[in-house]
Amino acid sequence: MIEEKLQVQKWSPEQVAHVVGIAYKTVYNWIDQGWLDVQLPDLPDHGIRRHRAKEKRGTFSHGRSIEKRPHKVETRQEFGHFEADTVLSGKRKGQAVATFVERKSRLTIVKRLHGRDSQSMTQAVLELASQLQDKLKTLTVDHGKEFANYQAIEQLTGTQVYFAHAYSPHERGSNENRNRVLRRFIPKGQAIEELSDR
């Protein structure tokens, strides 16, 4: 079953581990020890470039640092602490999607954005807060321009927005992982407006 998920269905070890109920490092150990008929280069996320190209979508430098985020967010013991980001189509103009990943449960919510600006992201966060019925406690984001309206988000939702350090995607690791999975369904260059909401 595990080999089929990895080889045929192209699941990541993290996805398999979550479904089976084991630690993802166990899956990697089984592969390394030859207990699974799978090679590391065959995995969907193998060889990911860890050094990102320079940010092209615009950034800003204000906001509350992740260093001020409460320790309870880091421990993943409480529901309501989300990481957020955008996935772009790769085209210069057009739609994008916002991804929200809850740190404790790994609940992932994807919302279509009608633009790549802060107004579109603010609207998506307001919809998320309404959907969660005031369970949205914190958001951890990067310094992309779509989060420039963070003060309005805080005032309208009562949540606290924290900003990860520049070029530190590991500080929003759950979100980055989900974005890689999403990229299998929305490859770069795919026009998001051509996709259905399913």
N, C-alpha and C. Protein backbone atom coordinates (compact mmCIF):
# COMPACT_ATOMS: atom_id res chain seq x y z
N MET A 1 0.82 -1.20 0.00
CA MET A 1 0.00 0.00 0.00
C MET A 1 0.87 1.26 0.00
N ILE A 2 1.89 1.30 0.87
CA ILE A 2 2.75 2.49 0.96
C ILE A 2 3.52 2.66 -0.34
N GLU A 3 4.06 1.56 -0.88
CA GLU A 3 4.82 1.65 -2.13
C GLU A 3 3.93 2.15 -3.27
N GLU A 4 2.70 1.68 -3.32
CA GLU A 4 1.78 2.12 -4.38
C GLU A 4 1.52 3.63 -4.27
N LYS A 5 1.31 4.12 -3.05
CA LYS A 5 1.06 5.55 -2.85
C LYS A 5 2.27 6.37 -3.32
N LEU A 6 3.47 5.88 -3.01
CA LEU A 6 4.68 6.62 -3.35
C LEU A 6 5.01 6.52 -4.84
N GLN A 7 4.92 5.31 -5.41
CA GLN A 7 5.35 5.09 -6.79
C GLN A 7 4.28 5.44 -7.81
N VAL A 8 3.08 4.92 -7.61
CA VAL A 8 2.03 5.06 -8.62
C VAL A 8 1.28 6.38 -8.47
N GLN A 9 0.86 6.67 -7.24
CA GLN A 9 0.05 7.86 -7.02
C GLN A 9 0.89 9.11 -6.77
N LYS A 10 2.21 8.93 -6.67
CA LYS A 10 3.15 10.05 -6.52
C LYS A 10 2.89 10.88 -5.26
N TRP A 11 2.52 10.20 -4.18
CA TRP A 11 2.37 10.89 -2.90
C TRP A 11 3.74 11.16 -2.32
N SER A 12 3.83 12.19 -1.49
CA SER A 12 5.08 12.44 -0.76
C SER A 12 5.10 11.57 0.49
N PRO A 13 6.28 11.29 1.05
CA PRO A 13 6.35 10.54 2.31
C PRO A 13 5.54 11.20 3.42
N GLU A 14 5.46 12.54 3.41
CA GLU A 14 4.68 13.24 4.43
C GLU A 14 3.20 12.92 4.30
N GLN A 15 2.69 12.88 3.06
CA GLN A 15 1.28 12.55 2.85
C GLN A 15 0.98 11.12 3.29
N VAL A 16 1.85 10.19 2.91
CA VAL A 16 1.66 8.78 3.29
C VAL A 16 1.67 8.64 4.80
N ALA A 17 2.64 9.28 5.45
CA ALA A 17 2.76 9.17 6.91
C ALA A 17 1.50 9.69 7.60
N HIS A 18 0.94 10.78 7.09
CA HIS A 18 -0.26 11.35 7.69
C HIS A 18 -1.44 10.38 7.60
N VAL A 19 -1.61 9.77 6.44
CA VAL A 19 -2.73 8.84 6.23
C VAL A 19 -2.55 7.56 7.03
N VAL A 20 -1.32 7.03 7.05
CA VAL A 20 -1.05 5.77 7.75
C VAL A 20 -0.99 5.97 9.26
N GLY A 21 -0.61 7.18 9.69
CA GLY A 21 -0.54 7.46 11.12
C GLY A 21 0.82 7.17 11.72
N ILE A 22 1.87 7.41 10.94
CA ILE A 22 3.24 7.23 11.44
C ILE A 22 4.03 8.51 11.18
N ALA A 23 5.21 8.60 11.74
CA ALA A 23 6.07 9.76 11.51
C ALA A 23 6.64 9.70 10.10
N TYR A 24 6.71 10.84 9.43
CA TYR A 24 7.22 10.84 8.05
C TYR A 24 8.68 10.40 8.00
N LYS A 25 9.44 10.65 9.08
CA LYS A 25 10.84 10.21 9.09
C LYS A 25 10.93 8.68 9.05
N THR A 26 9.91 8.01 9.58
CA THR A 26 9.88 6.54 9.52
C THR A 26 9.83 6.08 8.07
N VAL A 27 9.02 6.75 7.25
CA VAL A 27 8.92 6.39 5.83
C VAL A 27 10.27 6.58 5.15
N TYR A 28 10.93 7.70 5.43
CA TYR A 28 12.26 7.93 4.85
C TYR A 28 13.25 6.87 5.32
N ASN A 29 13.19 6.51 6.60
CA ASN A 29 14.09 5.47 7.13
C ASN A 29 13.86 4.14 6.41
N TRP A 30 12.60 3.78 6.19
CA TRP A 30 12.29 2.52 5.49
C TRP A 30 12.86 2.54 4.08
N ILE A 31 12.78 3.71 3.42
CA ILE A 31 13.33 3.83 2.06
C ILE A 31 14.85 3.68 2.11
N ASP A 32 15.49 4.40 3.04
CA ASP A 32 16.95 4.35 3.17
C ASP A 32 17.45 2.94 3.46
N GLN A 33 16.69 2.19 4.26
CA GLN A 33 17.11 0.85 4.67
C GLN A 33 16.71 -0.23 3.66
N GLY A 34 16.03 0.17 2.58
CA GLY A 34 15.66 -0.77 1.54
C GLY A 34 14.43 -1.60 1.85
N TRP A 35 13.67 -1.22 2.86
CA TRP A 35 12.47 -1.98 3.22
C TRP A 35 11.30 -1.67 2.28
N LEU A 36 11.40 -0.56 1.56
CA LEU A 36 10.40 -0.21 0.56
C LEU A 36 11.09 -0.18 -0.80
N ASP A 37 10.41 -0.66 -1.82
CA ASP A 37 10.98 -0.69 -3.16
C ASP A 37 10.77 0.67 -3.83
N VAL A 38 11.37 1.69 -3.24
CA VAL A 38 11.25 3.07 -3.72
C VAL A 38 12.62 3.72 -3.58
N GLN A 39 12.99 4.52 -4.56
CA GLN A 39 14.26 5.23 -4.51
C GLN A 39 13.99 6.72 -4.24
N LEU A 40 14.85 7.36 -3.48
CA LEU A 40 14.66 8.78 -3.15
C LEU A 40 14.49 9.66 -4.40
N PRO A 41 15.27 9.45 -5.47
CA PRO A 41 15.08 10.30 -6.65
C PRO A 41 13.69 10.17 -7.30
N ASP A 42 12.98 9.08 -6.99
CA ASP A 42 11.65 8.88 -7.56
C ASP A 42 10.56 9.65 -6.81
N LEU A 43 10.89 10.19 -5.64
CA LEU A 43 9.89 10.89 -4.84
C LEU A 43 9.56 12.24 -5.47
N PRO A 44 8.30 12.69 -5.34
CA PRO A 44 7.87 13.92 -6.02
C PRO A 44 8.60 15.17 -5.57
N ASP A 45 9.05 15.24 -4.31
CA ASP A 45 9.71 16.45 -3.82
C ASP A 45 11.22 16.32 -3.76
N HIS A 46 11.77 15.23 -4.28
CA HIS A 46 13.22 15.02 -4.19
C HIS A 46 13.96 16.05 -5.04
N GLY A 47 14.99 16.62 -4.46
CA GLY A 47 15.83 17.56 -5.20
C GLY A 47 15.26 18.95 -5.33
N ILE A 48 14.34 19.32 -4.45
CA ILE A 48 13.77 20.67 -4.51
C ILE A 48 14.86 21.70 -4.28
N ARG A 49 14.87 22.73 -5.09
CA ARG A 49 15.84 23.80 -4.87
C ARG A 49 15.52 24.50 -3.57
N ARG A 50 16.46 24.56 -2.69
CA ARG A 50 16.26 25.22 -1.40
C ARG A 50 16.58 26.71 -1.48
N HIS A 51 17.33 27.13 -2.51
CA HIS A 51 17.66 28.54 -2.66
C HIS A 51 16.70 29.13 -3.67
N ARG A 52 15.90 30.05 -3.22
CA ARG A 52 14.88 30.61 -4.08
C ARG A 52 15.41 31.75 -4.93
N ALA A 53 14.80 31.93 -6.06
CA ALA A 53 15.12 33.08 -6.88
C ALA A 53 14.67 34.34 -6.15
N LYS A 54 15.25 35.46 -6.53
CA LYS A 54 14.89 36.72 -5.89
C LYS A 54 13.40 36.98 -6.07
N GLU A 55 12.77 37.46 -5.01
CA GLU A 55 11.32 37.72 -5.00
C GLU A 55 10.97 38.75 -6.07
N LYS A 56 9.98 38.42 -6.91
CA LYS A 56 9.61 39.31 -8.00
C LYS A 56 8.24 39.94 -7.80
N ARG A 57 7.47 39.48 -6.82
CA ARG A 57 6.09 39.97 -6.74
C ARG A 57 5.94 41.19 -5.85
N GLY A 58 7.01 41.72 -5.30
CA GLY A 58 6.93 42.91 -4.47
C GLY A 58 6.85 42.55 -3.00
N THR A 59 7.57 43.30 -2.19
CA THR A 59 7.57 43.05 -0.76
C THR A 59 7.48 44.37 -0.02
N PHE A 60 7.30 44.30 1.29
CA PHE A 60 7.35 45.47 2.15
C PHE A 60 8.00 45.03 3.45
N SER A 61 8.39 45.97 4.29
CA SER A 61 9.23 45.60 5.43
C SER A 61 8.63 45.90 6.80
N HIS A 62 7.35 46.17 6.88
CA HIS A 62 6.74 46.47 8.17
C HIS A 62 6.11 45.22 8.76
N GLY A 63 5.54 45.37 9.95
CA GLY A 63 4.79 44.27 10.54
C GLY A 63 5.46 43.67 11.76
N ARG A 64 4.70 42.85 12.46
CA ARG A 64 5.14 42.20 13.71
C ARG A 64 5.96 40.96 13.39
N SER A 65 7.16 40.89 13.92
CA SER A 65 8.08 39.78 13.64
C SER A 65 7.59 38.47 14.24
N ILE A 66 7.92 37.39 13.58
CA ILE A 66 7.62 36.05 14.08
C ILE A 66 8.29 35.81 15.43
N GLU A 67 9.33 36.55 15.71
CA GLU A 67 10.01 36.42 17.00
C GLU A 67 9.11 36.81 18.17
N LYS A 68 8.07 37.60 17.89
CA LYS A 68 7.14 38.02 18.94
C LYS A 68 5.92 37.10 19.03
N ARG A 69 5.88 36.09 18.19
CA ARG A 69 4.74 35.16 18.18
C ARG A 69 4.77 34.33 19.46
N PRO A 70 3.60 34.13 20.11
CA PRO A 70 3.56 33.35 21.36
C PRO A 70 4.10 31.93 21.17
N HIS A 71 4.74 31.42 22.20
CA HIS A 71 5.34 30.08 22.16
C HIS A 71 4.29 29.00 21.87
N LYS A 72 3.05 29.21 22.34
CA LYS A 72 2.00 28.19 22.14
C LYS A 72 1.71 27.96 20.66
N VAL A 73 2.00 28.95 19.82
CA VAL A 73 1.81 28.76 18.38
C VAL A 73 2.83 27.75 17.86
N GLU A 74 4.05 27.85 18.35
CA GLU A 74 5.13 26.96 17.91
C GLU A 74 4.86 25.51 18.31
N THR A 75 4.24 25.30 19.47
CA THR A 75 4.04 23.94 19.97
C THR A 75 2.89 23.19 19.30
N ARG A 76 2.07 23.90 18.52
CA ARG A 76 0.97 23.27 17.78
C ARG A 76 -0.03 22.56 18.70
N GLN A 77 -0.25 23.11 19.88
CA GLN A 77 -1.17 22.48 20.84
C GLN A 77 -2.57 23.07 20.77
N GLU A 78 -2.74 24.19 20.07
CA GLU A 78 -4.02 24.90 20.08
C GLU A 78 -4.47 25.16 18.64
N PHE A 79 -5.74 24.92 18.37
CA PHE A 79 -6.30 25.15 17.03
C PHE A 79 -6.49 26.65 16.81
N GLY A 80 -6.29 27.08 15.59
CA GLY A 80 -6.60 28.46 15.21
C GLY A 80 -5.42 29.28 14.75
N HIS A 81 -4.24 28.66 14.72
CA HIS A 81 -3.03 29.38 14.29
C HIS A 81 -2.68 28.93 12.87
N PHE A 82 -2.81 29.84 11.92
CA PHE A 82 -2.67 29.53 10.51
C PHE A 82 -1.40 30.13 9.90
N GLU A 83 -0.89 29.45 8.89
CA GLU A 83 0.15 29.99 8.01
C GLU A 83 -0.54 30.30 6.68
N ALA A 84 -0.14 31.39 6.03
CA ALA A 84 -0.81 31.78 4.79
C ALA A 84 0.22 32.17 3.73
N ASP A 85 -0.20 32.00 2.48
CA ASP A 85 0.67 32.34 1.35
C ASP A 85 -0.18 32.42 0.10
N THR A 86 0.44 32.79 -1.01
CA THR A 86 -0.25 32.77 -2.29
C THR A 86 0.49 31.85 -3.26
N VAL A 87 -0.28 31.25 -4.15
CA VAL A 87 0.27 30.47 -5.25
C VAL A 87 -0.15 31.20 -6.52
N LEU A 88 0.84 31.61 -7.29
CA LEU A 88 0.59 32.38 -8.50
C LEU A 88 0.55 31.47 -9.72
N SER A 89 -0.10 31.95 -10.77
CA SER A 89 -0.23 31.14 -11.98
C SER A 89 1.06 31.10 -12.78
N GLY A 90 1.96 32.02 -12.52
CA GLY A 90 3.17 32.11 -13.32
C GLY A 90 3.03 33.12 -14.44
N LYS A 91 1.81 33.54 -14.71
CA LYS A 91 1.58 34.59 -15.69
C LYS A 91 1.76 35.94 -14.99
N ARG A 92 2.06 36.97 -15.75
CA ARG A 92 2.29 38.29 -15.14
C ARG A 92 1.01 38.86 -14.54
N LYS A 93 -0.11 38.58 -15.16
CA LYS A 93 -1.38 39.07 -14.66
C LYS A 93 -2.28 37.88 -14.46
N GLY A 94 -3.39 38.11 -13.81
CA GLY A 94 -4.34 37.02 -13.63
C GLY A 94 -4.53 36.67 -12.18
N GLN A 95 -5.32 35.65 -11.97
CA GLN A 95 -5.69 35.26 -10.63
C GLN A 95 -4.57 34.51 -9.93
N ALA A 96 -4.77 34.36 -8.64
CA ALA A 96 -3.88 33.56 -7.80
C ALA A 96 -4.78 32.84 -6.81
N VAL A 97 -4.20 31.98 -6.00
CA VAL A 97 -4.97 31.37 -4.92
C VAL A 97 -4.24 31.64 -3.61
N ALA A 98 -5.03 31.80 -2.56
CA ALA A 98 -4.48 31.94 -1.21
C ALA A 98 -4.56 30.58 -0.54
N THR A 99 -3.49 30.19 0.12
CA THR A 99 -3.49 28.92 0.86
C THR A 99 -3.35 29.23 2.35
N PHE A 100 -4.19 28.58 3.14
CA PHE A 100 -4.18 28.75 4.59
C PHE A 100 -4.04 27.36 5.21
N VAL A 101 -3.02 27.17 6.04
CA VAL A 101 -2.79 25.87 6.68
C VAL A 101 -2.79 26.07 8.19
N GLU A 102 -3.68 25.34 8.88
CA GLU A 102 -3.76 25.42 10.34
C GLU A 102 -2.64 24.57 10.92
N ARG A 103 -1.88 25.12 11.85
CA ARG A 103 -0.65 24.47 12.32
C ARG A 103 -0.90 23.19 13.11
N LYS A 104 -1.94 23.12 13.92
CA LYS A 104 -2.15 21.92 14.74
C LYS A 104 -2.72 20.77 13.92
N SER A 105 -3.81 21.02 13.20
CA SER A 105 -4.54 19.97 12.49
C SER A 105 -4.04 19.75 11.06
N ARG A 106 -3.29 20.72 10.53
CA ARG A 106 -2.85 20.76 9.12
C ARG A 106 -4.04 20.95 8.17
N LEU A 107 -5.19 21.36 8.72
CA LEU A 107 -6.33 21.70 7.87
C LEU A 107 -5.87 22.71 6.83
N THR A 108 -6.18 22.44 5.57
CA THR A 108 -5.75 23.31 4.48
C THR A 108 -6.97 23.87 3.76
N ILE A 109 -7.01 25.18 3.64
CA ILE A 109 -8.10 25.87 2.95
C ILE A 109 -7.49 26.68 1.81
N VAL A 110 -8.03 26.50 0.61
CA VAL A 110 -7.54 27.21 -0.57
C VAL A 110 -8.65 28.12 -1.06
N LYS A 111 -8.32 29.39 -1.27
CA LYS A 111 -9.32 30.36 -1.74
C LYS A 111 -8.80 31.06 -3.00
N ARG A 112 -9.68 31.20 -3.96
CA ARG A 112 -9.33 31.90 -5.20
C ARG A 112 -9.24 33.40 -4.92
N LEU A 113 -8.18 34.02 -5.43
CA LEU A 113 -8.02 35.47 -5.34
C LEU A 113 -8.30 36.07 -6.71
N HIS A 114 -9.02 37.18 -6.75
CA HIS A 114 -9.34 37.80 -8.03
C HIS A 114 -8.22 38.72 -8.51
N GLY A 115 -7.25 38.95 -7.66
CA GLY A 115 -6.09 39.74 -8.03
C GLY A 115 -4.92 39.32 -7.17
N ARG A 116 -3.79 39.98 -7.37
CA ARG A 116 -2.59 39.63 -6.61
C ARG A 116 -2.26 40.72 -5.60
N ASP A 117 -3.24 41.54 -5.26
CA ASP A 117 -3.00 42.68 -4.40
C ASP A 117 -3.47 42.43 -2.97
N SER A 118 -3.18 43.39 -2.10
CA SER A 118 -3.54 43.24 -0.69
C SER A 118 -5.05 43.27 -0.47
N GLN A 119 -5.77 43.97 -1.32
CA GLN A 119 -7.23 44.02 -1.18
C GLN A 119 -7.83 42.62 -1.39
N SER A 120 -7.36 41.91 -2.39
CA SER A 120 -7.86 40.56 -2.66
C SER A 120 -7.53 39.61 -1.51
N MET A 121 -6.31 39.71 -0.98
CA MET A 121 -5.92 38.84 0.14
C MET A 121 -6.72 39.19 1.39
N THR A 122 -6.92 40.48 1.65
CA THR A 122 -7.71 40.89 2.82
C THR A 122 -9.11 40.29 2.74
N GLN A 123 -9.72 40.33 1.57
CA GLN A 123 -11.05 39.75 1.39
C GLN A 123 -11.03 38.25 1.66
N ALA A 124 -9.99 37.56 1.20
CA ALA A 124 -9.88 36.11 1.44
C ALA A 124 -9.75 35.81 2.92
N VAL A 125 -8.98 36.62 3.65
CA VAL A 125 -8.81 36.39 5.10
C VAL A 125 -10.13 36.66 5.82
N LEU A 126 -10.87 37.69 5.41
CA LEU A 126 -12.17 37.97 6.03
C LEU A 126 -13.13 36.80 5.81
N GLU A 127 -13.12 36.22 4.61
CA GLU A 127 -13.95 35.05 4.33
C GLU A 127 -13.53 33.87 5.20
N LEU A 128 -12.22 33.69 5.36
CA LEU A 128 -11.71 32.61 6.21
C LEU A 128 -12.16 32.80 7.65
N ALA A 129 -12.03 34.01 8.17
CA ALA A 129 -12.42 34.29 9.56
C ALA A 129 -13.91 34.02 9.76
N SER A 130 -14.73 34.40 8.78
CA SER A 130 -16.16 34.14 8.87
C SER A 130 -16.46 32.65 8.83
N GLN A 131 -15.76 31.95 7.97
CA GLN A 131 -15.93 30.50 7.84
C GLN A 131 -15.55 29.77 9.13
N LEU A 132 -14.52 30.27 9.80
CA LEU A 132 -14.03 29.63 11.03
C LEU A 132 -14.77 30.09 12.28
N GLN A 133 -15.69 31.03 12.11
CA GLN A 133 -16.50 31.53 13.23
C GLN A 133 -15.64 31.95 14.41
N ASP A 134 -14.75 32.89 14.15
CA ASP A 134 -13.90 33.51 15.19
C ASP A 134 -12.87 32.56 15.79
N LYS A 135 -12.53 31.47 15.12
CA LYS A 135 -11.48 30.58 15.62
C LYS A 135 -10.11 30.92 15.04
N LEU A 136 -10.05 31.94 14.20
CA LEU A 136 -8.78 32.38 13.61
C LEU A 136 -8.04 33.24 14.64
N LYS A 137 -6.94 32.71 15.17
CA LYS A 137 -6.22 33.40 16.25
C LYS A 137 -4.98 34.14 15.77
N THR A 138 -4.18 33.48 14.96
CA THR A 138 -2.99 34.14 14.40
C THR A 138 -2.79 33.72 12.95
N LEU A 139 -2.10 34.58 12.22
CA LEU A 139 -1.67 34.29 10.85
C LEU A 139 -0.16 34.52 10.79
N THR A 140 0.57 33.57 10.25
CA THR A 140 2.00 33.76 10.01
C THR A 140 2.20 33.81 8.50
N VAL A 141 2.79 34.89 8.02
CA VAL A 141 2.88 35.15 6.58
C VAL A 141 4.29 35.61 6.22
N ASP A 142 4.53 35.77 4.92
CA ASP A 142 5.79 36.35 4.48
C ASP A 142 5.58 37.84 4.20
N HIS A 143 6.58 38.51 3.67
CA HIS A 143 6.49 39.95 3.43
C HIS A 143 6.03 40.27 2.01
N GLY A 144 5.27 39.37 1.39
CA GLY A 144 4.72 39.65 0.07
C GLY A 144 3.75 40.82 0.14
N LYS A 145 3.67 41.59 -0.95
CA LYS A 145 2.84 42.80 -0.94
C LYS A 145 1.36 42.49 -0.70
N GLU A 146 0.95 41.24 -0.92
CA GLU A 146 -0.47 40.90 -0.69
C GLU A 146 -0.85 40.97 0.79
N PHE A 147 0.16 41.00 1.68
CA PHE A 147 -0.12 41.10 3.11
C PHE A 147 0.13 42.51 3.65
N ALA A 148 0.31 43.49 2.76
CA ALA A 148 0.59 44.87 3.19
C ALA A 148 -0.56 45.48 3.98
N ASN A 149 -1.75 44.96 3.81
CA ASN A 149 -2.93 45.49 4.50
C ASN A 149 -3.18 44.75 5.82
N TYR A 150 -2.11 44.26 6.44
CA TYR A 150 -2.25 43.41 7.64
C TYR A 150 -2.94 44.12 8.79
N GLN A 151 -2.79 45.45 8.90
CA GLN A 151 -3.43 46.17 10.01
C GLN A 151 -4.95 46.11 9.89
N ALA A 152 -5.46 46.22 8.67
CA ALA A 152 -6.91 46.10 8.47
C ALA A 152 -7.37 44.69 8.80
N ILE A 153 -6.57 43.68 8.42
CA ILE A 153 -6.91 42.29 8.75
C ILE A 153 -7.02 42.13 10.26
N GLU A 154 -6.05 42.68 10.99
CA GLU A 154 -6.08 42.57 12.45
C GLU A 154 -7.29 43.27 13.05
N GLN A 155 -7.59 44.46 12.56
CA GLN A 155 -8.71 45.22 13.10
C GLN A 155 -10.05 44.56 12.79
N LEU A 156 -10.20 44.02 11.60
CA LEU A 156 -11.48 43.46 11.18
C LEU A 156 -11.73 42.05 11.69
N THR A 157 -10.66 41.32 12.00
CA THR A 157 -10.84 39.92 12.43
C THR A 157 -10.46 39.68 13.88
N GLY A 158 -9.69 40.60 14.47
CA GLY A 158 -9.24 40.39 15.85
C GLY A 158 -8.08 39.42 15.96
N THR A 159 -7.52 39.03 14.84
CA THR A 159 -6.37 38.11 14.86
C THR A 159 -5.07 38.89 14.86
N GLN A 160 -3.98 38.22 15.19
CA GLN A 160 -2.65 38.83 15.16
C GLN A 160 -1.90 38.28 13.95
N VAL A 161 -1.26 39.15 13.19
CA VAL A 161 -0.49 38.75 12.02
C VAL A 161 1.00 38.84 12.35
N TYR A 162 1.73 37.76 12.08
CA TYR A 162 3.17 37.70 12.33
C TYR A 162 3.89 37.45 11.02
N PHE A 163 5.04 38.09 10.86
CA PHE A 163 5.80 37.99 9.62
C PHE A 163 7.06 37.17 9.81
N ALA A 164 7.23 36.17 8.96
CA ALA A 164 8.44 35.35 8.98
C ALA A 164 9.61 36.19 8.48
N HIS A 165 10.82 35.75 8.79
CA HIS A 165 12.01 36.43 8.30
C HIS A 165 12.11 36.25 6.78
N ALA A 166 12.73 37.21 6.14
CA ALA A 166 12.91 37.13 4.68
C ALA A 166 13.71 35.89 4.31
N TYR A 167 13.32 35.24 3.23
CA TYR A 167 13.99 34.05 2.70
C TYR A 167 14.08 32.93 3.73
N SER A 168 13.02 32.78 4.53
CA SER A 168 12.98 31.72 5.56
C SER A 168 11.67 30.93 5.44
N PRO A 169 11.47 30.24 4.31
CA PRO A 169 10.21 29.51 4.13
C PRO A 169 10.00 28.43 5.17
N HIS A 170 11.08 27.94 5.80
CA HIS A 170 10.92 26.91 6.83
C HIS A 170 10.13 27.42 8.04
N GLU A 171 10.04 28.74 8.20
CA GLU A 171 9.26 29.29 9.31
C GLU A 171 7.76 29.17 9.05
N ARG A 172 7.41 28.85 7.83
CA ARG A 172 6.02 28.55 7.46
C ARG A 172 6.01 27.20 6.75
N GLY A 173 6.65 26.22 7.37
CA GLY A 173 6.89 24.93 6.73
C GLY A 173 5.65 24.18 6.31
N SER A 174 4.61 24.20 7.14
CA SER A 174 3.37 23.49 6.79
C SER A 174 2.78 24.07 5.52
N ASN A 175 2.78 25.40 5.43
CA ASN A 175 2.22 26.08 4.27
C ASN A 175 3.05 25.80 3.02
N GLU A 176 4.36 25.85 3.14
CA GLU A 176 5.23 25.58 1.99
C GLU A 176 5.03 24.15 1.48
N ASN A 177 4.88 23.21 2.40
CA ASN A 177 4.65 21.81 2.03
C ASN A 177 3.35 21.69 1.24
N ARG A 178 2.29 22.29 1.73
CA ARG A 178 0.99 22.22 1.03
C ARG A 178 1.06 22.90 -0.33
N ASN A 179 1.81 23.99 -0.41
CA ASN A 179 1.93 24.67 -1.70
C ASN A 179 2.62 23.78 -2.73
N ARG A 180 3.61 22.99 -2.30
CA ARG A 180 4.27 22.06 -3.23
C ARG A 180 3.28 21.01 -3.72
N VAL A 181 2.44 20.51 -2.81
CA VAL A 181 1.42 19.53 -3.22
C VAL A 181 0.45 20.18 -4.20
N LEU A 182 0.03 21.40 -3.92
CA LEU A 182 -0.91 22.11 -4.78
C LEU A 182 -0.32 22.35 -6.17
N ARG A 183 0.99 22.57 -6.24
CA ARG A 183 1.65 22.81 -7.52
C ARG A 183 1.55 21.61 -8.47
N ARG A 184 1.30 20.43 -7.92
CA ARG A 184 1.11 19.27 -8.80
C ARG A 184 -0.19 19.40 -9.59
N PHE A 185 -1.13 20.15 -9.05
CA PHE A 185 -2.43 20.33 -9.70
C PHE A 185 -2.53 21.67 -10.42
N ILE A 186 -1.71 22.64 -9.99
CA ILE A 186 -1.66 23.94 -10.64
C ILE A 186 -0.21 24.21 -11.03
N PRO A 187 0.25 23.61 -12.12
CA PRO A 187 1.65 23.83 -12.52
C PRO A 187 1.89 25.28 -12.91
N LYS A 188 3.13 25.72 -12.79
CA LYS A 188 3.47 27.09 -13.18
C LYS A 188 3.10 27.29 -14.64
N GLY A 189 2.50 28.42 -14.93
CA GLY A 189 2.06 28.70 -16.28
C GLY A 189 0.59 28.39 -16.49
N GLN A 190 -0.01 27.60 -15.59
CA GLN A 190 -1.44 27.28 -15.68
C GLN A 190 -2.24 28.51 -15.30
N ALA A 191 -3.16 28.92 -16.15
CA ALA A 191 -4.03 30.06 -15.84
C ALA A 191 -5.06 29.61 -14.80
N ILE A 192 -5.00 30.19 -13.62
CA ILE A 192 -5.89 29.78 -12.53
C ILE A 192 -7.34 30.05 -12.86
N GLU A 193 -7.60 31.12 -13.62
CA GLU A 193 -9.00 31.43 -13.96
C GLU A 193 -9.63 30.36 -14.85
N GLU A 194 -8.80 29.49 -15.45
CA GLU A 194 -9.34 28.40 -16.28
C GLU A 194 -9.74 27.18 -15.45
N LEU A 195 -9.38 27.17 -14.17
CA LEU A 195 -9.67 26.03 -13.30
C LEU A 195 -11.01 26.19 -12.61
N SER A 196 -11.68 25.08 -12.36
CA SER A 196 -12.93 25.13 -11.60
C SER A 196 -12.61 25.20 -10.11
N ASP A 197 -13.59 25.51 -9.28
CA ASP A 197 -13.39 25.59 -7.83
C ASP A 197 -13.31 24.21 -7.20
N ARG A 198 -13.56 23.14 -7.95
CA ARG A 198 -13.45 21.81 -7.39
C ARG A 198 -12.00 21.50 -7.17
